[in-house]
Amino acid sequence: MGKTNTEEIIELLKTRVSKDQKNKLEVLAKKSFLDYLASVTLADKELAVEKLKQSLHYTDQYLIIGQKGNLSVEQAALLNGFTAHYLDFDDVQANFRGHPSVVIFSALLAVSNPTDKLRSLLQAFVQGVELAGHIGRTIHPGHALQGWHSTGTIGTIAAAAAIGVYKKLPEDKLATLLSFAASQASGMMFQEGSDAKPMQAGLAARNAVAAYKLTESGLTATKDPFNNHNGWLKTISGTEITPSTWGNSWLSPAQIENPGIWFKQKPFCSAAISGYDATRQAYEAGIRISNTTQFIFHYPENGDRALTKSHPLTGQEGKFSIEYIAWCVLENGDISTEDLDNFRVSPKFETDLPKFSRQHDLPSKDKRARPVRLEVIQDDKTANFTVINPKGSPLNPLDETDLQKKLVNGLGDLASDVIQLISKSKTQLKEIDSLLNYRRYLDCTSKNSQISLAPLS
């Protein structure tokens, strides 16, 4: 009798790579971890985050590594995941069509021990992203087009897999862990523009941790949750899989390399990044709302699928609206975090909204690209601004310094010390934890400190 689908997936999760490949992937994972810390620290004083802390009766202000205070490990994962995804400032992976760090790191940190090495965390993250990418490549675009939020669905399973790798679970326990995780994996795109959207990232991390705790308790679960009869992928997408074929490209190249990870300059949906860049080009060319008749955003078919709010009512909904993001740029020169708060949009935006429209007539072949063409019509003349690889995408990446500056904005002067720790191969998690908690005593408010930033490699 041959191996089951789940057994084949577990075999892939235990794949070993060369030392050189491991070091290369570790450097890439460090960038995601740095970006994750930035996303958490930038959001930890948001009103919605404070509300969640109050509901959990948790008074600490900072990232939770391991169990802290009165919170269970499941609650720690929930809080970290919600906080990290709240601003929508976190990383994205194209095959996954979701946010890997907010789910996987939040789950891993919750079950970590103070003396665990950061390197082990990063290696588990790489495997979690790998599984997320392969599942996503198999069931997308249909999964997304049905309205599923991949961060909640695929992310739960990926985070559970990462925990299994991190904890070095034997094959039978890892199968049980994945089975419990698959039974909880859910998330819906209709939650965009509300607190429930980032909550789905928190719930995914929590559910992965709950699956691990249930597994460790000795409870049983079906050992092949990915079977082709009534398994998770078959049920949720009608897809039959042959995981052995995934082995041909498992970590070769790794999903974290190709299509790679997107990092954001602004806290809004990654599907809007190309449109934002094109609008910035138009603004720099002198285009304004007042001197333009029409703005047409041209996308590939379903290229704007995640931008579900063509007429947002609040800035929070505006994170998923190219119309609102472009309007802010054309009206003010750029978009600010305040523009994306959960307050009513400007009445002037609603007046100008009829000038904006979308069309779906561009080709798209490379998942690493997000082609957008902004057509601007001014009376008797037309101008076009095209962006294929926006800033922050794998083919046009943010500079390492840009990533580090995000952490500076969240941590101030302490950012340089955290970056130094992340750059070291033998750093223990308790060292990072100590710095993050030291922040509360300093009440760090310096956002523009001149600090020396070290490379992550």
Protein backbone atom coordinates (compact mmCIF):
# COMPACT_ATOMS: atom_id res chain seq x y z
CA MET A 1 0.00 0.00 0.00
CA GLY A 2 1.36 3.41 -0.98
CA LYS A 3 1.70 6.47 1.19
CA THR A 4 -1.30 8.66 1.90
CA ASN A 5 -1.39 12.28 0.76
CA THR A 6 -0.80 13.43 4.33
CA GLU A 7 2.17 11.08 4.76
CA GLU A 8 3.69 12.48 1.58
CA ILE A 9 3.19 16.06 2.83
CA ILE A 10 4.82 15.17 6.15
CA GLU A 11 7.75 13.64 4.30
CA LEU A 12 8.17 16.92 2.42
CA LEU A 13 8.02 18.93 5.66
CA LYS A 14 10.98 16.91 6.90
CA THR A 15 13.03 17.71 3.79
CA ARG A 16 16.61 18.71 4.53
CA VAL A 17 18.57 21.17 2.44
CA SER A 18 22.27 21.93 2.09
CA LYS A 19 23.95 24.21 4.59
CA ASP A 20 24.37 26.93 1.97
CA GLN A 21 20.67 26.73 1.02
CA LYS A 22 19.65 26.75 4.69
CA ASN A 23 21.71 29.88 5.32
CA LYS A 24 20.26 31.62 2.26
CA LEU A 25 16.69 30.81 3.30
CA GLU A 26 17.42 31.92 6.86
CA VAL A 27 18.44 35.37 5.63
CA LEU A 28 15.16 35.67 3.72
CA ALA A 29 13.18 34.50 6.76
CA LYS A 30 14.94 37.11 8.92
CA LYS A 31 13.51 39.82 6.69
CA SER A 32 10.02 38.46 7.26
CA PHE A 33 10.61 38.26 11.01
CA LEU A 34 11.86 41.85 11.12
CA ASP A 35 8.83 42.97 9.11
CA TYR A 36 6.58 40.98 11.46
CA LEU A 37 8.02 42.70 14.53
CA ALA A 38 7.54 46.06 12.82
CA SER A 39 3.91 45.25 12.01
CA VAL A 40 3.22 44.25 15.61
CA THR A 41 4.91 47.18 17.29
CA LEU A 42 3.35 49.73 14.93
CA ALA A 43 -0.14 48.44 15.75
CA ASP A 44 0.11 47.67 19.45
CA LYS A 45 -1.50 50.94 20.54
CA GLU A 46 -4.36 50.89 18.05
CA LEU A 47 -7.77 51.21 19.68
CA ALA A 48 -8.98 47.85 18.36
CA VAL A 49 -5.88 46.14 19.73
CA GLU A 50 -6.47 47.76 23.10
CA LYS A 51 -10.07 46.52 23.03
CA LEU A 52 -8.90 42.97 22.39
CA LYS A 53 -6.39 43.20 25.23
CA GLN A 54 -9.13 44.41 27.55
CA SER A 55 -11.41 41.56 26.52
CA LEU A 56 -8.56 39.15 27.34
CA HIS A 57 -7.81 41.02 30.60
CA TYR A 58 -4.25 41.53 29.40
CA THR A 59 -2.46 44.71 30.42
CA ASP A 60 1.01 44.29 28.91
CA GLN A 61 1.59 46.46 25.84
CA TYR A 62 4.10 44.42 23.89
CA LEU A 63 4.72 41.35 21.78
CA ILE A 64 4.14 38.05 23.52
CA ILE A 65 6.88 35.46 23.15
CA GLY A 66 5.70 32.30 24.83
CA GLN A 67 3.00 32.33 27.49
CA LYS A 68 2.83 35.60 29.41
CA GLY A 69 0.86 36.71 32.42
CA ASN A 70 -2.71 35.49 32.46
CA LEU A 71 -2.89 34.58 28.77
CA SER A 72 -2.99 31.02 27.51
CA VAL A 73 -0.80 30.12 24.56
CA GLU A 74 -3.90 30.12 22.35
CA GLN A 75 -4.79 33.65 23.49
CA ALA A 76 -1.20 34.78 22.95
CA ALA A 77 -1.33 33.56 19.35
CA LEU A 78 -4.70 35.25 18.84
CA LEU A 79 -3.48 38.60 20.15
CA ASN A 80 -0.21 38.53 18.22
CA GLY A 81 -1.89 37.52 14.97
CA PHE A 82 -4.61 40.16 15.25
CA THR A 83 -2.12 42.88 16.18
CA ALA A 84 0.37 41.99 13.45
CA HIS A 85 -2.29 42.05 10.73
CA TYR A 86 -4.37 44.94 12.07
CA LEU A 87 -2.77 47.70 9.96
CA ASP A 88 -2.42 45.43 6.90
CA PHE A 89 1.25 46.42 6.84
CA ASP A 90 2.58 42.85 6.88
CA ASP A 91 4.10 40.63 4.20
CA VAL A 92 2.35 38.66 1.44
CA GLN A 93 3.16 35.59 -0.66
CA ALA A 94 1.67 35.31 -4.15
CA ASN A 95 0.99 31.55 -4.43
CA PHE A 96 -0.46 31.51 -0.91
CA ARG A 97 -2.42 34.71 -1.68
CA GLY A 98 -2.19 35.44 1.99
CA HIS A 99 -0.07 36.84 4.80
CA PRO A 100 2.42 34.23 6.02
CA SER A 101 4.23 35.97 8.88
CA VAL A 102 1.21 37.13 10.88
CA VAL A 103 -0.11 33.58 11.18
CA ILE A 104 3.04 31.46 11.25
CA PHE A 105 5.24 33.60 13.50
CA SER A 106 2.34 34.37 15.84
CA ALA A 107 1.69 30.66 16.30
CA LEU A 108 5.37 29.74 16.64
CA LEU A 109 6.10 32.45 19.20
CA ALA A 110 3.13 31.40 21.31
CA VAL A 111 4.44 27.84 21.71
CA SER A 112 8.10 28.85 22.00
CA ASN A 113 10.36 28.61 25.02
CA PRO A 114 12.61 31.47 26.15
CA THR A 115 15.81 29.56 25.37
CA ASP A 116 14.73 28.50 21.88
CA LYS A 117 17.03 29.68 19.12
CA LEU A 118 15.72 32.21 16.62
CA ARG A 119 17.28 30.04 13.92
CA SER A 120 14.91 27.17 14.72
CA LEU A 121 11.95 29.54 14.49
CA LEU A 122 13.11 30.78 11.08
CA GLN A 123 13.62 27.26 9.72
CA ALA A 124 10.11 26.27 10.77
CA PHE A 125 8.74 29.44 9.17
CA VAL A 126 10.36 28.54 5.85
CA GLN A 127 8.62 25.14 5.85
CA GLY A 128 5.30 26.71 6.79
CA VAL A 129 5.55 29.17 3.89
CA GLU A 130 6.54 26.29 1.61
CA LEU A 131 3.39 24.33 2.41
CA ALA A 132 1.22 27.46 2.13
CA GLY A 133 2.67 28.21 -1.30
CA HIS A 134 2.17 24.70 -2.64
CA ILE A 135 -1.40 24.45 -1.36
CA GLY A 136 -2.16 27.91 -2.70
CA ARG A 137 -0.72 27.14 -6.10
CA THR A 138 -2.92 24.05 -6.22
CA ILE A 139 -6.30 25.58 -5.29
CA HIS A 140 -6.02 29.18 -6.47
CA PRO A 141 -7.43 31.20 -8.13
CA GLY A 142 -10.64 29.27 -7.51
CA HIS A 143 -10.27 29.32 -3.74
CA ALA A 144 -9.96 33.11 -3.65
CA LEU A 145 -12.65 33.63 -6.26
CA GLN A 146 -15.07 31.64 -4.11
CA GLY A 147 -14.52 34.24 -1.38
CA TRP A 148 -12.18 32.42 0.98
CA HIS A 149 -9.55 34.41 2.90
CA SER A 150 -6.39 32.34 2.46
CA THR A 151 -4.70 33.80 5.53
CA GLY A 152 -7.41 32.13 7.59
CA THR A 153 -7.80 28.91 5.60
CA ILE A 154 -4.40 27.88 4.22
CA GLY A 155 -2.68 29.92 6.95
CA THR A 156 -4.08 27.73 9.75
CA ILE A 157 -2.66 24.60 8.15
CA ALA A 158 0.67 26.25 7.30
CA ALA A 159 1.09 27.51 10.88
CA ALA A 160 0.27 24.08 12.28
CA ALA A 161 2.82 22.49 9.95
CA ALA A 162 5.42 25.02 11.09
CA ILE A 163 4.70 24.16 14.73
CA GLY A 164 5.16 20.47 13.93
CA VAL A 165 8.52 21.17 12.33
CA TYR A 166 9.53 23.52 15.16
CA LYS A 167 8.63 20.98 17.85
CA LYS A 168 10.15 18.09 15.85
CA LEU A 169 6.97 16.06 16.16
CA PRO A 170 7.06 12.43 14.99
CA GLU A 171 5.08 11.61 11.87
CA ASP A 172 1.99 10.25 13.63
CA LYS A 173 1.67 13.34 15.84
CA LEU A 174 2.27 15.67 12.92
CA ALA A 175 -0.56 13.96 11.02
CA THR A 176 -2.85 14.46 14.00
CA LEU A 177 -1.79 18.10 14.31
CA LEU A 178 -2.55 18.77 10.65
CA SER A 179 -5.89 16.99 11.01
CA PHE A 180 -7.00 19.13 13.95
CA ALA A 181 -5.81 22.25 12.11
CA ALA A 182 -7.68 21.38 8.91
CA SER A 183 -10.92 20.99 10.87
CA GLN A 184 -10.58 24.61 12.08
CA ALA A 185 -9.24 26.28 8.93
CA SER A 186 -11.56 29.07 7.80
CA GLY A 187 -11.70 32.71 6.80
CA MET A 188 -13.91 34.82 4.53
CA MET A 189 -13.14 37.76 2.28
CA PHE A 190 -16.42 39.50 3.11
CA GLN A 191 -14.75 40.66 6.35
CA GLU A 192 -12.47 43.09 4.48
CA GLY A 193 -12.63 46.60 5.87
CA SER A 194 -13.59 45.48 9.38
CA ASP A 195 -11.77 44.34 12.52
CA ALA A 196 -12.85 40.79 11.70
CA LYS A 197 -10.43 40.68 8.76
CA PRO A 198 -7.26 40.93 10.90
CA MET A 199 -9.03 38.84 13.51
CA GLN A 200 -9.05 35.99 11.00
CA ALA A 201 -5.24 36.05 11.10
CA GLY A 202 -5.38 35.88 14.89
CA LEU A 203 -7.91 33.06 14.80
CA ALA A 204 -5.75 31.12 12.33
CA ALA A 205 -2.72 31.39 14.62
CA ARG A 206 -4.85 30.50 17.63
CA ASN A 207 -6.37 27.49 15.88
CA ALA A 208 -2.96 26.18 14.85
CA VAL A 209 -1.81 26.42 18.46
CA ALA A 210 -5.04 24.79 19.67
CA ALA A 211 -4.43 21.95 17.22
CA TYR A 212 -0.97 21.47 18.71
CA LYS A 213 -2.31 21.46 22.28
CA LEU A 214 -5.01 18.95 21.35
CA THR A 215 -2.39 16.74 19.73
CA GLU A 216 -0.16 16.87 22.80
CA SER A 217 -3.13 15.98 25.01
CA GLY A 218 -3.33 12.57 23.34
CA LEU A 219 -6.66 13.09 21.61
CA THR A 220 -7.01 11.35 18.27
CA ALA A 221 -7.90 12.63 14.81
CA THR A 222 -8.11 11.15 11.33
CA LYS A 223 -4.59 10.58 10.03
CA ASP A 224 -5.19 11.62 6.42
CA PRO A 225 -6.93 15.02 6.41
CA PHE A 226 -5.74 15.61 2.83
CA ASN A 227 -7.17 12.47 1.23
CA ASN A 228 -8.76 12.78 -2.20
CA HIS A 229 -12.15 11.44 -1.12
CA ASN A 230 -13.35 13.85 1.58
CA GLY A 231 -10.17 15.55 2.75
CA TRP A 232 -9.74 19.27 3.35
CA LEU A 233 -8.67 20.29 -0.16
CA LYS A 234 -11.26 18.06 -1.81
CA THR A 235 -14.01 19.45 0.40
CA ILE A 236 -13.07 23.12 0.29
CA SER A 237 -12.13 23.37 -3.39
CA GLY A 238 -13.01 20.10 -5.10
CA THR A 239 -9.31 19.55 -5.76
CA GLU A 240 -7.52 16.19 -5.81
CA ILE A 241 -3.83 16.38 -5.06
CA THR A 242 -0.67 14.35 -5.66
CA PRO A 243 1.78 15.74 -3.09
CA SER A 244 4.62 13.55 -4.42
CA THR A 245 4.75 15.88 -7.45
CA TRP A 246 5.30 18.82 -5.11
CA GLY A 247 8.61 17.24 -4.21
CA ASN A 248 10.01 18.19 -7.60
CA SER A 249 10.06 21.84 -6.51
CA TRP A 250 9.91 21.61 -2.71
CA LEU A 251 12.42 24.20 -1.45
CA SER A 252 13.95 24.16 -4.94
CA PRO A 253 13.46 27.04 -5.32
CA ALA A 254 11.73 27.70 -2.02
CA GLN A 255 8.40 29.50 -1.99
CA ILE A 256 10.06 32.21 0.09
CA GLU A 257 12.40 32.75 -2.90
CA ASN A 258 10.08 32.25 -5.87
CA PRO A 259 7.56 33.76 -6.21
CA GLY A 260 9.00 35.25 -3.02
CA ILE A 261 7.69 37.58 -0.32
CA TRP A 262 6.15 41.02 -0.80
CA PHE A 263 6.90 43.73 1.77
CA LYS A 264 4.82 46.87 2.05
CA GLN A 265 5.67 50.56 2.20
CA LYS A 266 2.10 51.52 3.10
CA PRO A 267 -0.55 49.83 5.29
CA PHE A 268 -3.11 48.74 2.71
CA CYS A 269 -3.96 45.68 0.64
CA SER A 270 -1.07 44.45 -1.51
CA ALA A 271 -3.39 44.28 -4.54
CA ALA A 272 -3.39 48.10 -4.50
CA ILE A 273 0.38 48.58 -4.49
CA SER A 274 0.80 48.80 -8.28
CA GLY A 275 -2.13 51.20 -8.58
CA TYR A 276 -0.65 53.30 -5.79
CA ASP A 277 2.74 53.46 -7.53
CA ALA A 278 1.08 54.39 -10.85
CA THR A 279 -0.92 57.14 -9.14
CA ARG A 280 2.22 58.50 -7.51
CA GLN A 281 3.80 58.70 -10.97
CA ALA A 282 0.75 60.57 -12.23
CA TYR A 283 0.86 62.99 -9.32
CA GLU A 284 4.55 63.68 -9.93
CA ALA A 285 3.64 64.41 -13.57
CA GLY A 286 1.23 67.13 -12.45
CA ILE A 287 -1.99 65.13 -12.59
CA ARG A 288 -4.60 66.28 -10.07
CA ILE A 289 -8.24 65.54 -9.37
CA SER A 290 -9.15 69.09 -10.36
CA ASN A 291 -7.54 68.98 -13.82
CA THR A 292 -8.65 65.49 -14.82
CA THR A 293 -11.91 64.16 -16.25
CA GLN A 294 -11.43 60.43 -15.73
CA PHE A 295 -9.09 57.90 -14.06
CA ILE A 296 -9.29 54.33 -15.39
CA PHE A 297 -7.36 51.52 -13.68
CA HIS A 298 -6.66 48.64 -16.06
CA TYR A 299 -6.06 45.22 -14.45
CA PRO A 300 -5.67 41.60 -15.55
CA GLU A 301 -8.79 39.50 -15.06
CA ASN A 302 -9.32 39.20 -11.27
CA GLY A 303 -6.20 41.31 -10.70
CA ASP A 304 -8.19 43.54 -8.37
CA ARG A 305 -10.21 40.74 -6.79
CA ALA A 306 -9.01 41.61 -3.28
CA LEU A 307 -9.92 45.29 -3.75
CA THR A 308 -13.54 44.71 -2.84
CA LYS A 309 -14.42 48.27 -1.79
CA SER A 310 -15.02 50.52 -4.79
CA HIS A 311 -17.08 52.90 -2.62
CA PRO A 312 -15.57 52.69 0.88
CA LEU A 313 -17.32 54.47 3.71
CA THR A 314 -14.37 54.50 6.13
CA GLY A 315 -10.61 54.70 5.88
CA GLN A 316 -10.43 51.11 7.14
CA GLU A 317 -12.54 50.00 4.19
CA GLY A 318 -10.34 52.25 2.05
CA LYS A 319 -7.42 49.84 2.55
CA PHE A 320 -9.23 47.68 -0.01
CA SER A 321 -10.14 50.44 -2.47
CA ILE A 322 -7.85 51.61 -5.27
CA GLU A 323 -10.28 54.48 -5.82
CA TYR A 324 -9.81 55.80 -2.30
CA ILE A 325 -6.06 55.18 -2.19
CA ALA A 326 -5.58 56.96 -5.52
CA TRP A 327 -7.82 59.83 -4.47
CA CYS A 328 -5.76 60.42 -1.33
CA VAL A 329 -2.57 60.54 -3.40
CA LEU A 330 -4.04 62.88 -6.02
CA GLU A 331 -5.62 65.12 -3.39
CA ASN A 332 -2.79 65.24 -0.82
CA GLY A 333 0.34 63.98 -2.58
CA ASP A 334 0.35 60.69 -0.66
CA ILE A 335 -1.74 58.57 1.67
CA SER A 336 -1.19 58.63 5.43
CA THR A 337 -1.99 56.15 8.18
CA GLU A 338 -4.63 58.61 9.40
CA ASP A 339 -6.37 58.36 6.01
CA LEU A 340 -6.78 54.64 6.68
CA ASP A 341 -8.23 54.89 10.19
CA ASN A 342 -11.74 53.69 10.94
CA PHE A 343 -13.39 57.08 10.39
CA ARG A 344 -15.78 58.32 7.73
CA VAL A 345 -14.09 59.22 4.44
CA SER A 346 -14.03 62.81 3.27
CA PRO A 347 -17.23 64.02 1.57
CA LYS A 348 -15.00 65.35 -1.21
CA PHE A 349 -13.93 61.79 -2.02
CA GLU A 350 -17.55 60.82 -2.50
CA THR A 351 -18.03 63.82 -4.80
CA ASP A 352 -14.97 62.87 -6.90
CA LEU A 353 -15.64 59.11 -6.93
CA PRO A 354 -17.49 59.08 -10.31
CA LYS A 355 -14.20 60.04 -11.97
CA PHE A 356 -12.74 56.62 -11.11
CA SER A 357 -13.40 53.30 -12.86
CA ARG A 358 -11.77 49.91 -13.46
CA GLN A 359 -11.32 47.71 -16.53
CA HIS A 360 -9.96 44.17 -16.84
CA ASP A 361 -8.05 43.95 -20.09
CA LEU A 362 -4.37 43.36 -19.20
CA PRO A 363 -2.47 40.07 -19.64
CA SER A 364 -0.80 38.49 -16.60
CA LYS A 365 1.71 35.64 -16.71
CA ASP A 366 4.12 36.11 -13.80
CA LYS A 367 2.76 35.66 -10.27
CA ARG A 368 5.58 37.84 -8.98
CA ALA A 369 4.16 40.79 -10.93
CA ARG A 370 0.98 42.86 -10.48
CA PRO A 371 0.53 44.80 -13.73
CA VAL A 372 -1.63 47.91 -13.61
CA ARG A 373 -2.11 50.68 -16.15
CA LEU A 374 -3.59 53.96 -15.00
CA GLU A 375 -5.23 55.80 -17.89
CA VAL A 376 -5.74 59.51 -17.22
CA ILE A 377 -8.10 61.49 -19.44
CA GLN A 378 -7.86 65.28 -19.43
CA ASP A 379 -10.25 66.87 -21.90
CA ASP A 380 -8.64 66.19 -25.29
CA LYS A 381 -5.54 64.30 -24.15
CA THR A 382 -4.75 60.97 -22.51
CA ALA A 383 -1.77 59.84 -20.44
CA ASN A 384 -0.88 56.34 -19.26
CA PHE A 385 1.15 55.24 -16.25
CA THR A 386 2.06 51.56 -16.12
CA VAL A 387 3.51 49.59 -13.20
CA ILE A 388 4.30 45.88 -13.52
CA ASN A 389 6.61 45.26 -10.56
CA PRO A 390 5.70 47.73 -7.81
CA LYS A 391 8.08 48.72 -5.04
CA GLY A 392 8.14 45.98 -2.42
CA SER A 393 7.44 43.13 -4.83
CA PRO A 394 10.04 40.35 -5.22
CA LEU A 395 11.25 41.77 -8.56
CA ASN A 396 11.46 45.30 -7.15
CA PRO A 397 12.19 44.69 -3.47
CA LEU A 398 12.41 47.18 -0.66
CA ASP A 399 15.94 47.93 0.40
CA GLU A 400 16.94 46.26 3.64
CA THR A 401 17.21 49.72 5.17
CA ASP A 402 13.58 50.42 4.23
CA LEU A 403 12.48 47.31 6.09
CA GLN A 404 14.54 48.27 9.09
CA LYS A 405 13.05 51.76 9.13
CA LYS A 406 9.62 50.20 9.62
CA LEU A 407 10.92 48.69 12.85
CA VAL A 408 12.46 52.01 13.84
CA ASN A 409 9.02 53.59 13.48
CA GLY A 410 7.65 50.97 15.83
CA LEU A 411 10.47 50.70 18.36
CA GLY A 412 12.49 53.89 18.08
CA ASP A 413 16.04 53.66 19.43
CA LEU A 414 15.62 50.03 20.49
CA ALA A 415 15.21 48.92 16.87
CA SER A 416 18.96 48.83 16.25
CA ASP A 417 19.45 46.44 19.19
CA VAL A 418 16.68 44.15 17.95
CA ILE A 419 18.15 44.17 14.43
CA GLN A 420 21.54 43.22 15.85
CA LEU A 421 19.99 40.27 17.68
CA ILE A 422 18.13 39.11 14.58
CA SER A 423 21.38 39.19 12.60
CA LYS A 424 23.08 36.71 14.98
CA SER A 425 22.66 32.99 14.34
CA LYS A 426 22.60 31.91 17.98
CA THR A 427 20.20 34.50 19.39
CA GLN A 428 17.70 33.11 21.89
CA LEU A 429 14.13 34.33 21.85
CA LYS A 430 14.37 35.55 25.43
CA GLU A 431 16.95 38.13 24.31
CA ILE A 432 14.48 39.68 21.86
CA ASP A 433 11.71 39.39 24.43
CA SER A 434 13.76 41.28 27.01
CA LEU A 435 14.34 44.19 24.64
CA LEU A 436 10.69 44.40 23.62
CA ASN A 437 9.61 44.46 27.25
CA TYR A 438 12.29 46.97 28.18
CA ARG A 439 10.55 49.33 25.80
CA ARG A 440 7.65 49.84 28.22
CA TYR A 441 10.01 51.20 30.85
CA LEU A 442 11.60 53.61 28.41
CA ASP A 443 8.25 54.68 26.93
CA CYS A 444 10.11 55.11 23.69
CA THR A 445 8.68 57.95 21.63
CA SER A 446 11.53 58.82 19.30
CA LYS A 447 10.34 57.90 15.81
CA ASN A 448 13.10 59.50 13.75
CA SER A 449 16.23 58.54 15.63
CA GLN A 450 19.51 58.48 13.76
CA ILE A 451 20.65 54.92 14.41
CA SER A 452 23.15 52.55 12.90
CA LEU A 453 21.41 49.69 11.09
CA ALA A 454 23.25 46.38 10.64
CA PRO A 455 22.72 43.96 7.74
CA LEU A 456 20.66 40.85 8.54
CA SER A 457 22.95 38.36 6.84
